[in-house]
């Protein structure tokens, strides 16, 4: 085991982060909006996504922003 900071996070772990995985959340939400959103000249019969898809998109966005904010706060507190 490597050295840990005051929050118990192993310091070497930050070099092993996979930021491209987080990018997939952003790309997926953008694809939902582009494919199923009401913009881009959709026809009269277009119905869009169901409420559970909207909850998935909003929940995913909220969790991603929360993760990024908490990471920022941890780095600020630990001077990582």
PDB file of N, CA and C in Angstrom:
ATOM      1  N   UNK A   1       0.832  -1.187   0.000  1.00  0.00           N
ATOM      2  CA  UNK A   1       0.000   0.000   0.000  1.00  0.00           C
ATOM      3  C   UNK A   1       0.874   1.247   0.000  1.00  0.00           C
ATOM      4  N   UNK A   2       0.424   2.260  -0.715  1.00  0.00           N
ATOM      5  CA  UNK A   2       1.143   3.524  -0.769  1.00  0.00           C
ATOM      6  C   UNK A   2       0.732   4.446   0.362  1.00  0.00           C
ATOM      7  N   UNK A   3       1.295   5.638   0.352  1.00  0.00           N
ATOM      8  CA  UNK A   3       0.953   6.639   1.367  1.00  0.00           C
ATOM      9  C   UNK A   3      -0.478   7.121   1.149  1.00  0.00           C
ATOM     10  N   UNK A   4      -1.126   7.442   2.262  1.00  0.00           N
ATOM     11  CA  UNK A   4      -2.510   7.928   2.203  1.00  0.00           C
ATOM     12  C   UNK A   4      -2.571   9.353   2.744  1.00  0.00           C
ATOM     13  N   UNK A   5      -3.492  10.127   2.187  1.00  0.00           N
ATOM     14  CA  UNK A   5      -3.694  11.482   2.700  1.00  0.00           C
ATOM     15  C   UNK A   5      -4.599  11.428   3.922  1.00  0.00           C
ATOM     16  N   UNK A   6      -4.951  12.574   4.469  1.00  0.00           N
ATOM     17  CA  UNK A   6      -5.757  12.594   5.699  1.00  0.00           C
ATOM     18  C   UNK A   6      -7.171  12.065   5.499  1.00  0.00           C
ATOM     19  N   UNK A   7      -7.610  11.907   4.251  1.00  0.00           N
ATOM     20  CA  UNK A   7      -8.925  11.353   3.962  1.00  0.00           C
ATOM     21  C   UNK A   7      -8.865   9.858   3.670  1.00  0.00           C
ATOM     22  N   UNK A   8      -7.678   9.273   3.772  1.00  0.00           N
ATOM     23  CA  UNK A   8      -7.521   7.845   3.524  1.00  0.00           C
ATOM     24  C   UNK A   8      -7.403   7.485   2.060  1.00  0.00           C
ATOM     25  N   UNK A   9      -7.253   8.484   1.197  1.00  0.00           N
ATOM     26  CA  UNK A   9      -7.119   8.229  -0.230  1.00  0.00           C
ATOM     27  C   UNK A   9      -5.654   7.969  -0.536  1.00  0.00           C
ATOM     28  N   UNK A  10      -5.405   6.849  -1.200  1.00  0.00           N
ATOM     29  CA  UNK A  10      -4.031   6.522  -1.551  1.00  0.00           C
ATOM     30  C   UNK A  10      -3.524   7.525  -2.583  1.00  0.00           C
ATOM     31  N   UNK A  11      -2.389   8.149  -2.286  1.00  0.00           N
ATOM     32  CA  UNK A  11      -1.904   9.235  -3.141  1.00  0.00           C
ATOM     33  C   UNK A  11      -1.573   8.767  -4.546  1.00  0.00           C
ATOM     34  N   UNK A  12      -1.065   7.565  -4.710  1.00  0.00           N
ATOM     35  CA  UNK A  12      -0.725   7.124  -6.056  1.00  0.00           C
ATOM     36  C   UNK A  12      -1.968   6.861  -6.908  1.00  0.00           C
ATOM     37  N   UNK A  13      -3.127   6.691  -6.264  1.00  0.00           N
ATOM     38  CA  UNK A  13      -4.353   6.391  -7.000  1.00  0.00           C
ATOM     39  C   UNK A  13      -4.735   7.515  -7.947  1.00  0.00           C
ATOM     40  N   UNK A  14      -4.385   8.742  -7.624  1.00  0.00           N
ATOM     41  CA  UNK A  14      -4.792   9.843  -8.506  1.00  0.00           C
ATOM     42  C   UNK A  14      -4.105   9.774  -9.857  1.00  0.00           C
ATOM     43  N   UNK A  15      -2.985   9.075  -9.947  1.00  0.00           N
ATOM     44  CA  UNK A  15      -2.312   8.894 -11.234  1.00  0.00           C
ATOM     45  C   UNK A  15      -2.986   7.812 -12.065  1.00  0.00           C
ATOM     46  N   UNK A  16      -3.869   7.056 -11.442  1.00  0.00           N
ATOM     47  CA  UNK A  16      -4.531   5.949 -12.124  1.00  0.00           C
ATOM     48  C   UNK A  16      -5.974   6.291 -12.486  1.00  0.00           C
ATOM     49  N   UNK A  17      -6.370   7.526 -12.328  1.00  0.00           N
ATOM     50  CA  UNK A  17      -7.736   7.922 -12.646  1.00  0.00           C
ATOM     51  C   UNK A  17      -8.000   7.722 -14.128  1.00  0.00           C
ATOM     52  N   UNK A  18      -9.232   7.482 -14.456  1.00  0.00           N
ATOM     53  CA  UNK A  18      -9.635   7.277 -15.840  1.00  0.00           C
ATOM     54  C   UNK A  18     -10.617   8.365 -16.253  1.00  0.00           C
ATOM     55  N   UNK A  19     -10.114   9.574 -16.554  1.00  0.00           N
ATOM     56  CA  UNK A  19     -11.037  10.670 -16.894  1.00  0.00           C
ATOM     57  C   UNK A  19     -11.866  10.389 -18.137  1.00  0.00           C
ATOM     58  N   UNK A  20     -11.410   9.502 -19.017  1.00  0.00           N
ATOM     59  CA  UNK A  20     -12.186   9.197 -20.215  1.00  0.00           C
ATOM     60  C   UNK A  20     -13.499   8.516 -19.852  1.00  0.00           C
ATOM     61  N   UNK A  21     -13.559   7.830 -18.695  1.00  0.00           N
ATOM     62  CA  UNK A  21     -14.802   7.200 -18.279  1.00  0.00           C
ATOM     63  C   UNK A  21     -15.858   8.258 -17.954  1.00  0.00           C
ATOM     64  N   UNK A  22     -15.425   9.330 -17.307  1.00  0.00           N
ATOM     65  CA  UNK A  22     -16.347  10.426 -17.005  1.00  0.00           C
ATOM     66  C   UNK A  22     -16.823  11.089 -18.287  1.00  0.00           C
ATOM     67  N   UNK A  23     -15.946  11.160 -19.255  1.00  0.00           N
ATOM     68  CA  UNK A  23     -16.300  11.750 -20.542  1.00  0.00           C
ATOM     69  C   UNK A  23     -17.450  10.988 -21.203  1.00  0.00           C
ATOM     70  N   UNK A  24     -17.532   9.694 -20.977  1.00  0.00           N
ATOM     71  CA  UNK A  24     -18.597   8.901 -21.578  1.00  0.00           C
ATOM     72  C   UNK A  24     -19.969   9.312 -21.063  1.00  0.00           C
ATOM     73  N   UNK A  25     -20.039   9.763 -19.813  1.00  0.00           N
ATOM     74  CA  UNK A  25     -21.311  10.258 -19.280  1.00  0.00           C
ATOM     75  C   UNK A  25     -21.737  11.500 -20.057  1.00  0.00           C
ATOM     76  N   UNK A  26     -20.805  12.417 -20.250  1.00  0.00           N
ATOM     77  CA  UNK A  26     -21.097  13.660 -20.971  1.00  0.00           C
ATOM     78  C   UNK A  26     -21.495  13.357 -22.409  1.00  0.00           C
ATOM     79  N   UNK A  27     -20.754  12.485 -23.068  1.00  0.00           N
ATOM     80  CA  UNK A  27     -21.047  12.132 -24.456  1.00  0.00           C
ATOM     81  C   UNK A  27     -22.416  11.464 -24.559  1.00  0.00           C
ATOM     82  N   UNK A  28     -22.716  10.573 -23.618  1.00  0.00           N
ATOM     83  CA  UNK A  28     -24.005   9.881 -23.637  1.00  0.00           C
ATOM     84  C   UNK A  28     -25.178  10.839 -23.489  1.00  0.00           C
ATOM     85  N   UNK A  29     -25.050  11.797 -22.595  1.00  0.00           N
ATOM     86  CA  UNK A  29     -26.118  12.780 -22.401  1.00  0.00           C
ATOM     87  C   UNK A  29     -26.271  13.649 -23.648  1.00  0.00           C
ATOM     88  N   UNK A  30     -25.163  14.033 -24.245  1.00  0.00           N
ATOM     89  CA  UNK A  30     -25.227  14.834 -25.473  1.00  0.00           C
ATOM     90  C   UNK A  30     -25.887  14.045 -26.599  1.00  0.00           C
ATOM     91  N   UNK A  31     -25.582  12.754 -26.684  1.00  0.00           N
ATOM     92  CA  UNK A  31     -26.194  11.926 -27.726  1.00  0.00           C
ATOM     93  C   UNK A  31     -27.699  11.779 -27.507  1.00  0.00           C
ATOM     94  N   UNK A  32     -28.114  11.649 -26.244  1.00  0.00           N
ATOM     95  CA  UNK A  32     -29.550  11.602 -25.954  1.00  0.00           C
ATOM     96  C   UNK A  32     -30.231  12.877 -26.423  1.00  0.00           C
ATOM     97  N   UNK A  33     -29.610  13.998 -26.116  1.00  0.00           N
ATOM     98  CA  UNK A  33     -30.195  15.285 -26.486  1.00  0.00           C
ATOM     99  C   UNK A  33     -30.264  15.435 -28.004  1.00  0.00           C
ATOM    100  N   UNK A  34     -29.185  15.048 -28.683  1.00  0.00           N
ATOM    101  CA  UNK A  34     -29.152  15.199 -30.138  1.00  0.00           C
ATOM    102  C   UNK A  34     -30.118  14.245 -30.842  1.00  0.00           C
ATOM    103  N   UNK A  35     -30.172  13.006 -30.370  1.00  0.00           N
ATOM    104  CA  UNK A  35     -31.011  12.006 -31.030  1.00  0.00           C
ATOM    105  C   UNK A  35     -32.487  12.120 -30.662  1.00  0.00           C
ATOM    106  N   UNK A  36     -32.750  12.461 -29.399  1.00  0.00           N
ATOM    107  CA  UNK A  36     -34.128  12.407 -28.918  1.00  0.00           C
ATOM    108  C   UNK A  36     -34.667  13.742 -28.432  1.00  0.00           C
ATOM    109  N   UNK A  37     -33.871  14.793 -28.471  1.00  0.00           N
ATOM    110  CA  UNK A  37     -34.332  16.109 -28.044  1.00  0.00           C
ATOM    111  C   UNK A  37     -35.330  16.692 -29.031  1.00  0.00           C
ATOM    112  N   UNK A  38     -36.008  17.720 -28.636  1.00  0.00           N
ATOM    113  CA  UNK A  38     -37.053  18.297 -29.483  1.00  0.00           C
ATOM    114  C   UNK A  38     -36.496  19.258 -30.532  1.00  0.00           C
ATOM    115  N   UNK A  39     -35.202  19.529 -30.519  1.00  0.00           N
ATOM    116  CA  UNK A  39     -34.596  20.418 -31.508  1.00  0.00           C
ATOM    117  C   UNK A  39     -34.241  19.673 -32.790  1.00  0.00           C
ATOM    118  N   UNK A  40     -33.447  20.296 -33.597  1.00  0.00           N
ATOM    119  CA  UNK A  40     -32.931  19.711 -34.841  1.00  0.00           C
ATOM    120  C   UNK A  40     -34.027  19.348 -35.834  1.00  0.00           C
ATOM    121  N   UNK A  41     -35.084  20.132 -35.899  1.00  0.00           N
ATOM    122  CA  UNK A  41     -36.106  19.976 -36.930  1.00  0.00           C
ATOM    123  C   UNK A  41     -36.854  18.655 -36.893  1.00  0.00           C
ATOM    124  N   UNK A  42     -37.286  18.235 -35.735  1.00  0.00           N
ATOM    125  CA  UNK A  42     -38.031  16.977 -35.626  1.00  0.00           C
ATOM    126  C   UNK A  42     -39.412  17.139 -36.250  1.00  0.00           C
ATOM    127  N   UNK A  43     -39.933  16.035 -36.735  1.00  0.00           N
ATOM    128  CA  UNK A  43     -41.241  16.044 -37.390  1.00  0.00           C
ATOM    129  C   UNK A  43     -42.398  16.154 -36.411  1.00  0.00           C
ATOM    130  N   UNK A  44     -43.601  16.241 -36.952  1.00  0.00           N
ATOM    131  CA  UNK A  44     -44.813  16.420 -36.159  1.00  0.00           C
ATOM    132  C   UNK A  44     -45.067  15.245 -35.212  1.00  0.00           C
ATOM    133  N   UNK A  45     -44.754  14.044 -35.637  1.00  0.00           N
ATOM    134  CA  UNK A  45     -45.035  12.851 -34.839  1.00  0.00           C
ATOM    135  C   UNK A  45     -43.968  12.511 -33.817  1.00  0.00           C
ATOM    136  N   UNK A  46     -43.005  13.379 -33.642  1.00  0.00           N
ATOM    137  CA  UNK A  46     -41.907  13.107 -32.708  1.00  0.00           C
ATOM    138  C   UNK A  46     -42.406  13.112 -31.265  1.00  0.00           C
ATOM    139  N   UNK A  47     -41.999  12.086 -30.500  1.00  0.00           N
ATOM    140  CA  UNK A  47     -42.474  12.019 -29.117  1.00  0.00           C
ATOM    141  C   UNK A  47     -41.364  12.135 -28.072  1.00  0.00           C
ATOM    142  N   UNK A  48     -40.127  12.059 -28.437  1.00  0.00           N
ATOM    143  CA  UNK A  48     -39.033  12.216 -27.477  1.00  0.00           C
ATOM    144  C   UNK A  48     -38.891  11.044 -26.532  1.00  0.00           C
ATOM    145  N   UNK A  49     -38.226  11.274 -25.430  1.00  0.00           N
ATOM    146  CA  UNK A  49     -37.986  10.221 -24.446  1.00  0.00           C
ATOM    147  C   UNK A  49     -39.031  10.240 -23.339  1.00  0.00           C
ATOM    148  N   UNK A  50     -39.054   9.175 -22.582  1.00  0.00           N
ATOM    149  CA  UNK A  50     -39.995   9.065 -21.472  1.00  0.00           C
ATOM    150  C   UNK A  50     -39.403   9.717 -20.220  1.00  0.00           C
ATOM    151  N   UNK A  51     -40.225   9.963 -19.200  1.00  0.00           N
ATOM    152  CA  UNK A  51     -39.723  10.593 -17.969  1.00  0.00           C
ATOM    153  C   UNK A  51     -38.580   9.831 -17.296  1.00  0.00           C
ATOM    154  N   UNK A  52     -38.570   8.506 -17.396  1.00  0.00           N
ATOM    155  CA  UNK A  52     -37.477   7.791 -16.741  1.00  0.00           C
ATOM    156  C   UNK A  52     -36.139   8.037 -17.433  1.00  0.00           C
ATOM    157  N   UNK A  53     -36.163   8.307 -18.738  1.00  0.00           N
ATOM    158  CA  UNK A  53     -34.929   8.688 -19.427  1.00  0.00           C
ATOM    159  C   UNK A  53     -34.463  10.067 -18.955  1.00  0.00           C
ATOM    160  N   UNK A  54     -35.417  10.964 -18.760  1.00  0.00           N
ATOM    161  CA  UNK A  54     -35.070  12.301 -18.260  1.00  0.00           C
ATOM    162  C   UNK A  54     -34.455  12.219 -16.868  1.00  0.00           C
ATOM    163  N   UNK A  55     -35.037  11.368 -16.012  1.00  0.00           N
ATOM    164  CA  UNK A  55     -34.472  11.203 -14.664  1.00  0.00           C
ATOM    165  C   UNK A  55     -33.066  10.628 -14.723  1.00  0.00           C
ATOM    166  N   UNK A  56     -32.827   9.701 -15.647  1.00  0.00           N
ATOM    167  CA  UNK A  56     -31.482   9.141 -15.814  1.00  0.00           C
ATOM    168  C   UNK A  56     -30.499  10.227 -16.227  1.00  0.00           C
ATOM    169  N   UNK A  57     -30.872  11.054 -17.191  1.00  0.00           N
ATOM    170  CA  UNK A  57     -29.978  12.116 -17.661  1.00  0.00           C
ATOM    171  C   UNK A  57     -29.707  13.136 -16.555  1.00  0.00           C
ATOM    172  N   UNK A  58     -30.751  13.559 -15.851  1.00  0.00           N
ATOM    173  CA  UNK A  58     -30.586  14.546 -14.781  1.00  0.00           C
ATOM    174  C   UNK A  58     -29.775  13.947 -13.632  1.00  0.00           C
ATOM    175  N   UNK A  59     -30.097  12.726 -13.252  1.00  0.00           N
ATOM    176  CA  UNK A  59     -29.361  12.075 -12.161  1.00  0.00           C
ATOM    177  C   UNK A  59     -27.901  11.876 -12.493  1.00  0.00           C
ATOM    178  N   UNK A  60     -27.610  11.462 -13.714  1.00  0.00           N
ATOM    179  CA  UNK A  60     -26.224  11.277 -14.140  1.00  0.00           C
ATOM    180  C   UNK A  60     -25.465  12.590 -14.134  1.00  0.00           C
ATOM    181  N   UNK A  61     -26.113  13.632 -14.617  1.00  0.00           N
ATOM    182  CA  UNK A  61     -25.492  14.953 -14.627  1.00  0.00           C
ATOM    183  C   UNK A  61     -25.224  15.440 -13.211  1.00  0.00           C
ATOM    184  N   UNK A  62     -26.203  15.294 -12.336  1.00  0.00           N
ATOM    185  CA  UNK A  62     -26.037  15.714 -10.951  1.00  0.00           C
ATOM    186  C   UNK A  62     -24.863  14.974 -10.296  1.00  0.00           C
ATOM    187  N   UNK A  63     -24.817  13.662 -10.470  1.00  0.00           N
ATOM    188  CA  UNK A  63     -23.751  12.877  -9.849  1.00  0.00           C
ATOM    189  C   UNK A  63     -22.382  13.214 -10.417  1.00  0.00           C
ATOM    190  N   UNK A  64     -22.303  13.473 -11.705  1.00  0.00           N
ATOM    191  CA  UNK A  64     -21.023  13.857 -12.299  1.00  0.00           C
ATOM    192  C   UNK A  64     -20.556  15.199 -11.736  1.00  0.00           C
ATOM    193  N   UNK A  65     -21.443  16.173 -11.692  1.00  0.00           N
ATOM    194  CA  UNK A  65     -21.078  17.487 -11.154  1.00  0.00           C
ATOM    195  C   UNK A  65     -20.696  17.372  -9.683  1.00  0.00           C
ATOM    196  N   UNK A  66     -21.431  16.577  -8.932  1.00  0.00           N
ATOM    197  CA  UNK A  66     -21.124  16.374  -7.522  1.00  0.00           C
ATOM    198  C   UNK A  66     -19.737  15.745  -7.353  1.00  0.00           C
ATOM    199  N   UNK A  67     -19.416  14.739  -8.145  1.00  0.00           N
ATOM    200  CA  UNK A  67     -18.094  14.114  -8.097  1.00  0.00           C
ATOM    201  C   UNK A  67     -16.997  15.125  -8.417  1.00  0.00           C
ATOM    202  N   UNK A  68     -17.191  15.901  -9.468  1.00  0.00           N
ATOM    203  CA  UNK A  68     -16.183  16.892  -9.848  1.00  0.00           C
ATOM    204  C   UNK A  68     -16.006  17.945  -8.760  1.00  0.00           C
ATOM    205  N   UNK A  69     -17.113  18.401  -8.161  1.00  0.00           N
ATOM    206  CA  UNK A  69     -17.028  19.413  -7.106  1.00  0.00           C
ATOM    207  C   UNK A  69     -16.315  18.852  -5.873  1.00  0.00           C
ATOM    208  N   UNK A  70     -16.692  17.636  -5.462  1.00  0.00           N
ATOM    209  CA  UNK A  70     -16.044  17.033  -4.299  1.00  0.00           C
ATOM    210  C   UNK A  70     -14.558  16.795  -4.548  1.00  0.00           C
ATOM    211  N   UNK A  71     -14.198  16.407  -5.761  1.00  0.00           N
ATOM    212  CA  UNK A  71     -12.793  16.222  -6.112  1.00  0.00           C
ATOM    213  C   UNK A  71     -12.051  17.547  -6.016  1.00  0.00           C
ATOM    214  N   UNK A  72     -12.662  18.600  -6.527  1.00  0.00           N
ATOM    215  CA  UNK A  72     -12.073  19.933  -6.427  1.00  0.00           C
ATOM    216  C   UNK A  72     -11.854  20.319  -4.969  1.00  0.00           C
ATOM    217  N   UNK A  73     -12.878  20.111  -4.140  1.00  0.00           N
ATOM    218  CA  UNK A  73     -12.779  20.466  -2.723  1.00  0.00           C
ATOM    219  C   UNK A  73     -11.697  19.649  -2.019  1.00  0.00           C
ATOM    220  N   UNK A  74     -11.610  18.357  -2.316  1.00  0.00           N
ATOM    221  CA  UNK A  74     -10.576  17.513  -1.709  1.00  0.00           C
ATOM    222  C   UNK A  74      -9.176  17.983  -2.125  1.00  0.00           C
ATOM    223  N   UNK A  75      -9.019  18.266  -3.390  1.00  0.00           N
ATOM    224  CA  UNK A  75      -7.709  18.730  -3.881  1.00  0.00           C
ATOM    225  C   UNK A  75      -7.342  20.060  -3.253  1.00  0.00           C
ATOM    226  N   UNK A  76      -8.329  20.936  -3.101  1.00  0.00           N
ATOM    227  CA  UNK A  76      -8.080  22.236  -2.475  1.00  0.00           C
ATOM    228  C   UNK A  76      -7.683  22.055  -1.012  1.00  0.00           C
ATOM    229  N   UNK A  77      -8.350  21.167  -0.306  1.00  0.00           N
ATOM    230  CA  UNK A  77      -8.074  20.937   1.109  1.00  0.00           C
ATOM    231  C   UNK A  77      -6.740  20.231   1.327  1.00  0.00           C
ATOM    232  N   UNK A  78      -6.423  19.307   0.423  1.00  0.00           N
ATOM    233  CA  UNK A  78      -5.193  18.507   0.578  1.00  0.00           C
ATOM    234  C   UNK A  78      -4.015  19.093  -0.167  1.00  0.00           C
ATOM    235  N   UNK A  79      -4.278  20.087  -0.990  1.00  0.00           N
ATOM    236  CA  UNK A  79      -3.236  20.651  -1.860  1.00  0.00           C
ATOM    237  C   UNK A  79      -2.625  19.565  -2.740  1.00  0.00           C
ATOM    238  N   UNK A  80      -3.487  18.699  -3.319  1.00  0.00           N
ATOM    239  CA  UNK A  80      -3.018  17.590  -4.174  1.00  0.00           C
ATOM    240  C   UNK A  80      -2.585  18.098  -5.522  1.00  0.00           C
TER     241      UNK A  80
END
